[in-house]
């Protein structure tokens, strides 16, 4: 696809290339740092690698086991308040996993909140099992949503034919439907794998030595070169997962008649009972624990400047990301070279926050005017979340009617004027949506903020981490609830897009 006349502005390609290459700055820095590391692999590193891969594998399996059945239910089964069920089942995406880990860690175990409230002794939730449980609870919606999107695009005629030939509905779903949505399942599973590899808070709270936790420990022990070596090892795994993700292709089927299943009353209750524990553990328990802490502790000890700091840094990152996204998005529309530049920016999104922080700490040490400044923190946010803004701006720009620009050109407008007066105002909706997504993701970012924030600069995420380290769990209520609220806005944005896609498929 090429841009209409007047939209392809001359500076887009070189500017987009410079912006895209910024995504590779952390890798170059890490390679230079890691050259000073003495060992590539030792027994400790192998144990960390094993823990990381096992956590990723078990989380993917658990997310598929939960997400695929839920996708089938929300796509095909006629339930009361169907839309509400979709929102509730996708709601764990609105809770950062480290918040879930924090509240489950505090609720279970000897002397935990459940034992204090009900008097029931509960097993501790930690280690590989605890981390797997938490990561599964907060990542299965990736599988559910991607699989559901694939299911909604299928024609029900093959299922109806299978039923006519005597096949049960269960066998029809297993042998006819699921093989046709394997790509959707795989796409969700790879997103879960990336999320698990990049997560820092959950393994740290669950005391599981994965790459992200050990990198942070090495950084705090001033072992920057060893942290860089571990970061490169983690990036190799992330790169492999990103490569696999790029090979996954969606379904090419044309939508047809939508499959609808009408369960009996008993089957409805069975579905509710089977998946109620997921909702209770992932949503109800964290909110209940925060509510208990809020009643017990009140708002004492919380400084609302932490919320301002989070909003301020995130707003700056969102603004810069949108400004940089405009040339990249329009270059991507202009041709193949631009699309390649756009793909380069996605590399930064695949770099875990702990790895980005390690690389930019070294940049700050070499450039003292940047070290521990808000500018360096904003740069980390922009490098990580720029693809969110690029994708949103590009999708809006692609939907513009080229005749509007042509009409402006025929009326005597220059290419620059046509861009400024026609194209730019019409892409504002995509710019706002992209900025909102960057803002919300930056609000949640924990490891990069811990490593790069200015001295004394506390955000909601870092304050939550500090009270966890200090053992003052009750003080986590306000920042935790505020983070959940802000994350819920991001989920609403995502589901609104999913709802539009569902409308296009079903016509309802």
Protein backbone atom coordinates (compact mmCIF):
# COMPACT_ATOMS: atom_id res chain seq x y z
CA UNK A 1 0.00 0.00 0.00
CA UNK A 2 1.30 3.47 -0.86
CA UNK A 3 0.44 6.83 0.58
CA UNK A 4 -1.87 9.16 -1.31
CA UNK A 5 -0.26 12.14 -2.99
CA UNK A 6 0.66 14.76 -0.42
CA UNK A 7 1.03 12.35 2.51
CA UNK A 8 4.45 10.93 1.72
CA UNK A 9 6.53 13.69 3.20
CA UNK A 10 10.26 13.58 2.36
CA UNK A 11 11.57 13.40 5.93
CA UNK A 12 9.54 10.30 6.90
CA UNK A 13 11.98 7.59 5.82
CA UNK A 14 15.26 8.90 7.31
CA UNK A 15 13.53 10.06 10.46
CA UNK A 16 11.70 6.75 10.83
CA UNK A 17 14.96 4.85 10.34
CA UNK A 18 16.71 6.82 13.09
CA UNK A 19 13.80 6.22 15.47
CA UNK A 20 13.69 2.51 14.61
CA UNK A 21 17.42 2.07 15.21
CA UNK A 22 17.03 3.51 18.72
CA UNK A 23 15.44 0.19 19.67
CA UNK A 24 18.83 -1.50 19.22
CA UNK A 25 20.77 0.87 21.47
CA UNK A 26 20.23 -1.33 24.58
CA UNK A 27 21.59 -4.40 22.80
CA UNK A 28 24.77 -2.63 21.70
CA UNK A 29 25.30 -1.35 25.23
CA UNK A 30 24.78 -4.81 26.73
CA UNK A 31 27.22 -6.45 24.32
CA UNK A 32 29.90 -3.96 25.32
CA UNK A 33 29.19 -4.45 29.02
CA UNK A 34 29.06 -8.24 28.85
CA UNK A 35 32.54 -8.42 27.34
CA UNK A 36 33.89 -7.76 30.85
CA UNK A 37 31.97 -10.72 32.34
CA UNK A 38 34.16 -13.64 33.30
CA UNK A 39 31.80 -16.57 32.69
CA UNK A 40 29.10 -17.24 30.14
CA UNK A 41 27.55 -20.24 31.90
CA UNK A 42 28.19 -21.68 35.34
CA UNK A 43 26.10 -23.91 37.61
CA UNK A 44 24.16 -20.94 38.98
CA UNK A 45 23.38 -19.60 35.50
CA UNK A 46 22.17 -23.02 34.39
CA UNK A 47 19.84 -23.18 37.38
CA UNK A 48 18.50 -19.72 36.55
CA UNK A 49 18.01 -20.77 32.91
CA UNK A 50 16.19 -23.92 34.01
CA UNK A 51 13.89 -21.99 36.36
CA UNK A 52 13.10 -19.44 33.66
CA UNK A 53 12.28 -22.04 31.01
CA UNK A 54 10.20 -24.14 33.42
CA UNK A 55 8.22 -21.11 34.54
CA UNK A 56 7.59 -20.18 30.92
CA UNK A 57 6.58 -23.73 29.94
CA UNK A 58 4.24 -24.32 32.89
CA UNK A 59 2.65 -20.89 32.51
CA UNK A 60 1.99 -21.45 28.81
CA UNK A 61 0.44 -24.87 29.49
CA UNK A 62 -1.71 -23.51 32.31
CA UNK A 63 -2.84 -20.51 30.24
CA UNK A 64 -3.82 -22.74 27.31
CA UNK A 65 -5.69 -25.13 29.63
CA UNK A 66 -7.74 -22.22 31.03
CA UNK A 67 -7.86 -19.85 28.07
CA UNK A 68 -9.04 -22.19 25.31
CA UNK A 69 -12.17 -23.49 27.12
CA UNK A 70 -13.03 -19.95 28.16
CA UNK A 71 -12.64 -18.80 24.56
CA UNK A 72 -15.08 -21.49 23.42
CA UNK A 73 -17.57 -20.52 26.12
CA UNK A 74 -17.44 -16.75 25.48
CA UNK A 75 -17.53 -17.17 21.69
CA UNK A 76 -20.21 -19.82 21.24
CA UNK A 77 -22.24 -20.43 24.39
CA UNK A 78 -25.34 -18.35 24.99
CA UNK A 79 -25.14 -17.26 28.63
CA UNK A 80 -27.05 -14.61 30.58
CA UNK A 81 -25.06 -11.34 30.69
CA UNK A 82 -22.71 -12.69 28.03
CA UNK A 83 -20.83 -9.42 27.57
CA UNK A 84 -20.34 -9.07 31.32
CA UNK A 85 -18.80 -12.54 31.49
CA UNK A 86 -16.28 -11.59 28.81
CA UNK A 87 -15.27 -8.49 30.73
CA UNK A 88 -14.94 -10.40 34.01
CA UNK A 89 -12.90 -13.21 32.46
CA UNK A 90 -10.58 -10.72 30.73
CA UNK A 91 -10.28 -8.58 33.88
CA UNK A 92 -7.02 -10.21 35.14
CA UNK A 93 -5.29 -8.22 32.40
CA UNK A 94 -6.28 -5.12 34.39
CA UNK A 95 -4.19 -6.27 37.37
CA UNK A 96 -0.39 -6.21 37.05
CA UNK A 97 0.94 -9.65 37.87
CA UNK A 98 3.19 -8.33 40.63
CA UNK A 99 0.09 -7.05 42.43
CA UNK A 100 -1.46 -10.51 42.17
CA UNK A 101 1.78 -12.06 43.44
CA UNK A 102 1.95 -9.59 46.34
CA UNK A 103 -1.64 -10.23 47.49
CA UNK A 104 -1.47 -14.02 47.09
CA UNK A 105 1.81 -14.08 49.00
CA UNK A 106 0.23 -12.03 51.78
CA UNK A 107 -3.05 -13.96 51.84
CA UNK A 108 -1.67 -17.50 51.99
CA UNK A 109 0.86 -19.11 54.28
CA UNK A 110 1.22 -19.16 58.02
CA UNK A 111 -0.12 -15.97 59.54
CA UNK A 112 -1.50 -14.81 56.19
CA UNK A 113 -4.63 -12.75 55.74
CA UNK A 114 -6.84 -15.82 55.15
CA UNK A 115 -5.70 -17.44 58.40
CA UNK A 116 -6.18 -14.17 60.30
CA UNK A 117 -9.64 -13.63 58.84
CA UNK A 118 -11.06 -17.17 58.87
CA UNK A 119 -8.71 -19.07 61.14
CA UNK A 120 -7.91 -21.60 58.43
CA UNK A 121 -4.22 -22.57 58.11
CA UNK A 122 -3.22 -22.15 54.47
CA UNK A 123 -0.18 -23.42 52.54
CA UNK A 124 2.39 -20.86 51.46
CA UNK A 125 2.37 -19.68 47.85
CA UNK A 126 5.95 -19.25 46.64
CA UNK A 127 8.69 -20.83 44.53
CA UNK A 128 8.12 -22.27 41.07
CA UNK A 129 4.59 -23.47 41.90
CA UNK A 130 3.55 -20.10 43.30
CA UNK A 131 5.06 -18.15 40.40
CA UNK A 132 3.40 -20.48 37.88
CA UNK A 133 0.02 -20.05 39.58
CA UNK A 134 0.28 -16.26 39.58
CA UNK A 135 1.57 -15.98 36.01
CA UNK A 136 -1.15 -18.33 34.75
CA UNK A 137 -3.91 -16.40 36.51
CA UNK A 138 -2.79 -13.10 34.95
CA UNK A 139 -1.80 -14.26 31.47
CA UNK A 140 -4.50 -16.76 30.41
CA UNK A 141 -6.61 -13.89 28.95
CA UNK A 142 -4.01 -13.53 26.18
CA UNK A 143 -4.86 -17.07 25.02
CA UNK A 144 -8.58 -16.56 25.61
CA UNK A 145 -8.79 -13.37 23.52
CA UNK A 146 -6.63 -14.50 20.58
CA UNK A 147 -8.41 -17.87 20.43
CA UNK A 148 -11.80 -16.19 20.71
CA UNK A 149 -10.97 -13.88 17.82
CA UNK A 150 -10.11 -16.91 15.67
CA UNK A 151 -13.30 -18.72 16.73
CA UNK A 152 -15.47 -15.76 15.77
CA UNK A 153 -14.01 -15.84 12.26
CA UNK A 154 -14.99 -19.47 11.60
CA UNK A 155 -17.94 -20.67 9.54
CA UNK A 156 -20.21 -23.03 11.50
CA UNK A 157 -21.16 -25.06 8.43
CA UNK A 158 -18.50 -27.73 9.02
CA UNK A 159 -19.62 -28.18 12.63
CA UNK A 160 -23.23 -28.47 11.53
CA UNK A 161 -22.22 -31.07 8.93
CA UNK A 162 -20.31 -33.05 11.58
CA UNK A 163 -23.35 -32.94 13.88
CA UNK A 164 -25.58 -34.15 11.03
CA UNK A 165 -23.25 -37.13 10.57
CA UNK A 166 -23.74 -38.11 14.22
CA UNK A 167 -20.74 -36.48 15.89
CA UNK A 168 -21.34 -35.10 19.41
CA UNK A 169 -20.85 -31.41 20.07
CA UNK A 170 -17.76 -32.14 22.17
CA UNK A 171 -16.20 -34.25 19.42
CA UNK A 172 -17.12 -31.60 16.84
CA UNK A 173 -15.35 -28.89 18.80
CA UNK A 174 -12.30 -31.11 19.36
CA UNK A 175 -11.94 -32.50 15.84
CA UNK A 176 -13.39 -29.74 13.65
CA UNK A 177 -13.12 -26.39 15.46
CA UNK A 178 -9.88 -26.49 17.46
CA UNK A 179 -7.62 -27.62 14.55
CA UNK A 180 -8.81 -24.55 12.64
CA UNK A 181 -7.85 -22.12 15.43
CA UNK A 182 -4.41 -23.52 16.24
CA UNK A 183 -2.79 -20.31 15.02
CA UNK A 184 -4.92 -18.25 17.41
CA UNK A 185 -3.98 -20.52 20.31
CA UNK A 186 -0.31 -20.38 19.33
CA UNK A 187 -0.38 -16.58 19.07
CA UNK A 188 -1.82 -16.31 22.58
CA UNK A 189 0.65 -18.86 23.95
CA UNK A 190 3.59 -16.92 22.52
CA UNK A 191 2.28 -13.70 24.09
CA UNK A 192 2.11 -15.54 27.40
CA UNK A 193 5.70 -16.75 26.93
CA UNK A 194 6.93 -13.19 26.27
CA UNK A 195 5.00 -11.84 29.25
CA UNK A 196 6.43 -14.53 31.52
CA UNK A 197 10.01 -13.98 30.35
CA UNK A 198 9.81 -10.22 30.90
CA UNK A 199 8.07 -10.26 34.29
CA UNK A 200 10.20 -9.22 37.24
CA UNK A 201 7.84 -8.67 40.15
CA UNK A 202 6.26 -12.12 40.34
CA UNK A 203 9.49 -14.20 40.45
CA UNK A 204 11.01 -11.70 42.88
CA UNK A 205 8.04 -11.81 45.27
CA UNK A 206 7.79 -15.61 44.95
CA UNK A 207 11.54 -15.93 45.60
CA UNK A 208 12.22 -17.81 42.38
CA UNK A 209 15.59 -17.21 40.75
CA UNK A 210 14.75 -16.42 37.13
CA UNK A 211 16.76 -14.18 34.81
CA UNK A 212 14.82 -11.04 35.72
CA UNK A 213 15.27 -11.49 39.48
CA UNK A 214 18.96 -12.41 39.29
CA UNK A 215 19.70 -9.49 36.94
CA UNK A 216 18.23 -7.11 39.52
CA UNK A 217 20.24 -8.74 42.31
CA UNK A 218 23.47 -8.39 40.28
CA UNK A 219 22.66 -4.76 39.53
CA UNK A 220 22.14 -4.00 43.24
CA UNK A 221 25.45 -5.76 43.99
CA UNK A 222 27.19 -3.49 41.43
CA UNK A 223 27.79 -6.48 39.14
CA UNK A 224 26.78 -4.56 36.02
CA UNK A 225 28.82 -6.69 33.60
CA UNK A 226 27.33 -9.94 34.96
CA UNK A 227 23.87 -8.38 34.82
CA UNK A 228 24.54 -7.50 31.18
CA UNK A 229 25.60 -11.07 30.39
CA UNK A 230 22.45 -12.45 31.98
CA UNK A 231 20.41 -9.86 30.09
CA UNK A 232 21.86 -11.01 26.77
CA UNK A 233 21.06 -14.62 27.60
CA UNK A 234 17.49 -13.62 28.37
CA UNK A 235 17.31 -11.64 25.11
CA UNK A 236 18.32 -14.74 23.16
CA UNK A 237 15.29 -16.58 24.54
CA UNK A 238 13.05 -13.55 23.93
CA UNK A 239 14.37 -13.29 20.37
CA UNK A 240 13.53 -16.94 19.73
CA UNK A 241 9.99 -16.44 21.00
CA UNK A 242 9.61 -13.28 18.88
CA UNK A 243 10.78 -15.23 15.83
CA UNK A 244 8.21 -17.93 16.49
CA UNK A 245 5.54 -15.26 16.97
CA UNK A 246 6.41 -13.73 13.59
CA UNK A 247 5.85 -17.11 11.93
CA UNK A 248 2.33 -17.49 13.30
CA UNK A 249 -0.33 -16.58 10.76
CA UNK A 250 -4.00 -16.01 11.42
CA UNK A 251 -6.90 -17.86 9.88
CA UNK A 252 -7.60 -17.08 6.22
CA UNK A 253 -11.21 -18.28 6.33
CA UNK A 254 -14.05 -16.00 5.39
CA UNK A 255 -16.59 -15.57 8.19
CA UNK A 256 -19.88 -17.34 7.68
CA UNK A 257 -22.73 -18.45 9.87
CA UNK A 258 -21.89 -18.03 13.55
CA UNK A 259 -22.01 -21.12 15.77
CA UNK A 260 -24.36 -20.80 18.76
CA UNK A 261 -24.66 -23.33 21.60
CA UNK A 262 -27.57 -23.36 24.04
CA UNK A 263 -26.50 -25.12 27.27
CA UNK A 264 -28.86 -26.64 29.77
CA UNK A 265 -29.30 -25.13 33.22
CA UNK A 266 -27.03 -27.78 34.74
CA UNK A 267 -24.32 -27.15 32.15
CA UNK A 268 -24.41 -23.42 32.90
CA UNK A 269 -23.86 -24.04 36.60
CA UNK A 270 -21.07 -26.51 35.82
CA UNK A 271 -19.23 -23.89 33.75
CA UNK A 272 -19.61 -21.35 36.54
CA UNK A 273 -18.33 -23.78 39.20
CA UNK A 274 -15.35 -24.92 37.13
CA UNK A 275 -14.02 -21.42 36.47
CA UNK A 276 -15.14 -19.66 39.65
CA UNK A 277 -11.78 -20.42 41.38
CA UNK A 278 -9.97 -18.55 38.60
CA UNK A 279 -12.09 -15.44 39.11
CA UNK A 280 -11.83 -15.68 42.89
CA UNK A 281 -8.04 -16.01 42.94
CA UNK A 282 -7.25 -13.57 40.14
CA UNK A 283 -9.75 -10.77 40.85
CA UNK A 284 -11.72 -11.12 44.07
CA UNK A 285 -8.84 -12.05 46.36
CA UNK A 286 -6.51 -9.12 45.44
CA UNK A 287 -9.33 -6.59 45.73
CA UNK A 288 -10.47 -8.14 49.01
CA UNK A 289 -6.94 -8.06 50.47
CA UNK A 290 -6.47 -4.43 49.43
CA UNK A 291 -9.87 -3.63 50.92
CA UNK A 292 -8.90 -5.23 54.24
CA UNK A 293 -5.63 -3.31 54.32
CA UNK A 294 -7.40 -0.05 53.47
CA UNK A 295 -9.87 -0.50 56.34
CA UNK A 296 -7.11 -1.56 58.73
CA UNK A 297 -4.48 1.03 57.83
CA UNK A 298 -6.47 3.86 56.24
CA UNK A 299 -4.58 6.24 53.95
CA UNK A 300 -1.89 7.05 56.49
CA UNK A 301 1.66 6.90 55.21
CA UNK A 302 0.74 7.33 51.57
CA UNK A 303 1.89 10.48 49.83
CA UNK A 304 -0.26 11.29 46.80
CA UNK A 305 2.77 12.84 45.10
CA UNK A 306 3.64 9.23 44.20
CA UNK A 307 0.53 9.16 42.01
CA UNK A 308 1.52 12.51 40.51
CA UNK A 309 5.04 11.21 39.78
CA UNK A 310 3.59 8.16 38.01
CA UNK A 311 1.20 10.28 35.96
CA UNK A 312 3.84 12.92 35.15
CA UNK A 313 6.49 10.48 33.88
CA UNK A 314 3.92 8.39 32.01
CA UNK A 315 2.37 11.45 30.35
CA UNK A 316 5.78 12.62 29.11
CA UNK A 317 6.49 9.15 27.75
CA UNK A 318 3.11 9.01 26.00
CA UNK A 319 3.65 12.44 24.43
CA UNK A 320 7.14 11.62 23.15
CA UNK A 321 6.06 8.18 21.92
CA UNK A 322 3.21 9.62 19.84
CA UNK A 323 5.45 12.29 18.31
CA UNK A 324 7.98 9.62 17.31
CA UNK A 325 5.25 7.24 16.15
CA UNK A 326 3.90 9.61 13.48
CA UNK A 327 6.86 9.39 11.03
CA UNK A 328 7.29 5.65 11.67
CA UNK A 329 3.61 4.91 11.06
CA UNK A 330 3.43 6.93 7.87
CA UNK A 331 6.69 5.45 6.59
CA UNK A 332 5.20 1.99 7.22
CA UNK A 333 2.22 2.88 5.03
CA UNK A 334 4.46 4.28 2.33
CA UNK A 335 6.16 1.02 1.37
CA UNK A 336 8.11 -2.09 2.22
CA UNK A 337 11.14 -0.25 3.60
CA UNK A 338 8.93 1.67 5.97
CA UNK A 339 7.25 -1.53 7.13
CA UNK A 340 10.69 -2.94 7.90
CA UNK A 341 11.47 0.13 10.00
CA UNK A 342 8.21 -0.35 11.85
CA UNK A 343 9.16 -3.96 12.63
CA UNK A 344 12.47 -2.73 14.05
CA UNK A 345 10.66 -0.65 16.66
CA UNK A 346 8.91 -3.79 17.93
CA UNK A 347 12.25 -5.12 19.09
CA UNK A 348 12.22 -2.61 21.93
CA UNK A 349 8.81 -3.90 23.02
CA UNK A 350 10.31 -7.38 23.30
CA UNK A 351 13.13 -6.18 25.57
CA UNK A 352 12.13 -6.84 29.21
CA UNK A 353 12.06 -3.79 31.45
CA UNK A 354 14.86 -5.19 33.62
CA UNK A 355 17.09 -5.54 30.53
CA UNK A 356 16.23 -2.05 29.31
CA UNK A 357 17.05 -0.70 32.75
CA UNK A 358 20.43 -2.46 32.86
CA UNK A 359 21.45 -1.04 29.49
CA UNK A 360 20.31 2.52 30.19
CA UNK A 361 21.93 2.57 33.64
CA UNK A 362 25.26 2.17 31.85
CA UNK A 363 24.32 4.89 29.36
CA UNK A 364 23.59 7.16 32.32
CA UNK A 365 26.95 6.34 33.91
CA UNK A 366 28.73 7.33 30.70
CA UNK A 367 26.63 10.49 30.32
CA UNK A 368 26.43 11.93 33.85
CA UNK A 369 23.97 14.65 32.83
CA UNK A 370 21.46 11.84 32.13
CA UNK A 371 22.16 9.59 35.13
CA UNK A 372 19.17 9.23 37.46
CA UNK A 373 17.16 11.85 35.62
CA UNK A 374 13.53 11.84 34.61
CA UNK A 375 14.64 12.13 30.98
CA UNK A 376 16.43 8.77 31.09
CA UNK A 377 13.40 7.11 32.68
CA UNK A 378 11.11 8.57 30.00
CA UNK A 379 13.52 7.30 27.32
CA UNK A 380 13.21 3.78 28.73
CA UNK A 381 9.41 4.00 28.63
CA UNK A 382 9.47 5.29 25.05
CA UNK A 383 11.85 2.59 23.80
CA UNK A 384 9.72 -0.11 25.40
CA UNK A 385 6.25 1.06 24.48
CA UNK A 386 6.73 2.96 21.21
CA UNK A 387 5.18 0.09 19.16
CA UNK A 388 1.86 0.62 20.97
CA UNK A 389 1.69 4.17 19.65
CA UNK A 390 2.99 3.21 16.19
CA UNK A 391 0.38 0.48 15.75
CA UNK A 392 -2.48 2.74 16.82
CA UNK A 393 -1.44 5.66 14.60
CA UNK A 394 -0.82 3.40 11.63
CA UNK A 395 -4.16 1.59 11.88
CA UNK A 396 -5.98 4.95 11.93
CA UNK A 397 -3.95 6.40 9.06
CA UNK A 398 -4.58 3.33 6.90
CA UNK A 399 -8.32 3.86 7.22
CA UNK A 400 -8.27 7.39 5.81
CA UNK A 401 -10.04 8.11 2.54
CA UNK A 402 -7.29 9.10 0.02
CA UNK A 403 -9.80 11.18 -1.95
CA UNK A 404 -9.74 13.81 0.81
CA UNK A 405 -6.03 14.44 0.31
CA UNK A 406 -6.44 14.41 -3.47
CA UNK A 407 -9.20 16.99 -3.21
CA UNK A 408 -7.01 19.24 -1.06
CA UNK A 409 -4.18 18.96 -3.59
CA UNK A 410 -6.53 19.82 -6.47
CA UNK A 411 -7.61 22.92 -4.56
CA UNK A 412 -4.00 24.09 -4.41
CA UNK A 413 -2.76 22.80 -1.06
CA UNK A 414 0.90 21.82 -0.88
CA UNK A 415 1.85 18.31 0.32
CA UNK A 416 2.80 19.73 3.71
CA UNK A 417 -0.46 21.66 4.00
CA UNK A 418 -2.48 18.60 2.98
CA UNK A 419 -0.74 16.56 5.65
CA UNK A 420 -1.15 19.19 8.35
CA UNK A 421 -4.77 20.12 7.55
CA UNK A 422 -6.23 16.78 6.41
CA UNK A 423 -4.17 13.74 7.42
CA UNK A 424 -2.96 14.85 10.83
CA UNK A 425 -6.35 15.95 12.26
CA UNK A 426 -7.98 12.73 11.03
CA UNK A 427 -5.37 10.58 12.77
CA UNK A 428 -5.84 12.31 16.14
CA UNK A 429 -8.09 9.47 17.35
CA UNK A 430 -5.34 6.93 16.78
CA UNK A 431 -2.78 9.21 18.37
CA UNK A 432 -4.91 9.61 21.50
CA UNK A 433 -5.52 5.84 21.73
CA UNK A 434 -1.80 5.10 21.29
CA UNK A 435 -0.85 7.72 23.88
CA UNK A 436 -3.36 6.24 26.33
CA UNK A 437 -1.89 2.75 25.93
CA UNK A 438 1.69 4.01 26.41
CA UNK A 439 0.60 6.03 29.44
CA UNK A 440 -1.08 3.06 31.10
CA UNK A 441 1.79 0.65 30.42
CA UNK A 442 4.34 3.15 31.74
CA UNK A 443 2.26 3.54 34.92
CA UNK A 444 2.60 -0.21 35.52
CA UNK A 445 6.30 -0.55 34.67
CA UNK A 446 8.26 -1.68 37.75
CA UNK A 447 11.86 -2.84 37.08
CA UNK A 448 12.93 -0.05 34.71
CA UNK A 449 11.45 2.52 37.11
CA UNK A 450 13.29 0.99 40.07
CA UNK A 451 16.60 1.13 38.21
CA UNK A 452 16.32 4.47 36.40
CA UNK A 453 14.10 6.68 38.55
CA UNK A 454 15.75 9.80 40.02
CA UNK A 455 16.80 9.65 43.65
CA UNK A 456 13.74 10.05 45.85
CA UNK A 457 11.40 9.74 42.86
CA UNK A 458 8.73 7.26 43.91
CA UNK A 459 5.92 6.10 41.66
CA UNK A 460 2.92 3.94 42.51
CA UNK A 461 4.75 0.84 41.29
CA UNK A 462 8.02 1.54 43.11
CA UNK A 463 6.23 2.52 46.34
CA UNK A 464 4.36 -0.78 46.20
CA UNK A 465 7.70 -2.54 45.87
CA UNK A 466 9.23 -0.63 48.77
CA UNK A 467 6.42 -1.49 51.18
CA UNK A 468 6.68 -5.15 50.13
CA UNK A 469 10.43 -5.14 50.86
CA UNK A 470 9.88 -3.41 54.20
CA UNK A 471 7.03 -5.74 55.17
CA UNK A 472 4.51 -2.90 55.61
CA UNK A 473 1.89 -4.71 53.55
CA UNK A 474 -1.02 -2.60 54.76
CA UNK A 475 0.39 0.49 53.08
CA UNK A 476 0.07 -1.15 49.68
CA UNK A 477 -3.71 -0.68 49.51
CA UNK A 478 -3.85 2.80 47.98
CA UNK A 479 -1.12 2.39 45.31
CA UNK A 480 -2.38 -1.10 44.50
CA UNK A 481 -5.97 0.02 43.98
CA UNK A 482 -4.88 3.05 41.94
CA UNK A 483 -2.76 0.84 39.67
CA UNK A 484 -5.67 -1.57 39.20
CA UNK A 485 -7.94 1.34 38.32
CA UNK A 486 -5.51 2.74 35.75
CA UNK A 487 -4.90 -0.71 34.27
CA UNK A 488 -8.66 -1.22 33.98
CA UNK A 489 -8.79 1.80 31.67
CA UNK A 490 -6.25 0.09 29.41
CA UNK A 491 -8.34 -3.08 29.40
CA UNK A 492 -11.42 -1.03 28.45
CA UNK A 493 -9.52 0.39 25.47
CA UNK A 494 -8.47 -3.07 24.35
CA UNK A 495 -11.92 -4.60 24.74
CA UNK A 496 -13.52 -1.73 22.85
CA UNK A 497 -11.30 -2.63 19.90
CA UNK A 498 -12.15 -6.30 20.36
CA UNK A 499 -15.85 -5.40 20.42
CA UNK A 500 -15.55 -3.53 17.11
CA UNK A 501 -13.77 -6.55 15.61
CA UNK A 502 -16.53 -8.85 16.87
CA UNK A 503 -19.15 -6.59 15.31
CA UNK A 504 -17.36 -6.78 11.97
CA UNK A 505 -17.37 -10.57 12.14
CA UNK A 506 -20.84 -11.30 13.50
CA UNK A 507 -22.73 -8.22 12.35
CA UNK A 508 -24.38 -7.95 15.76
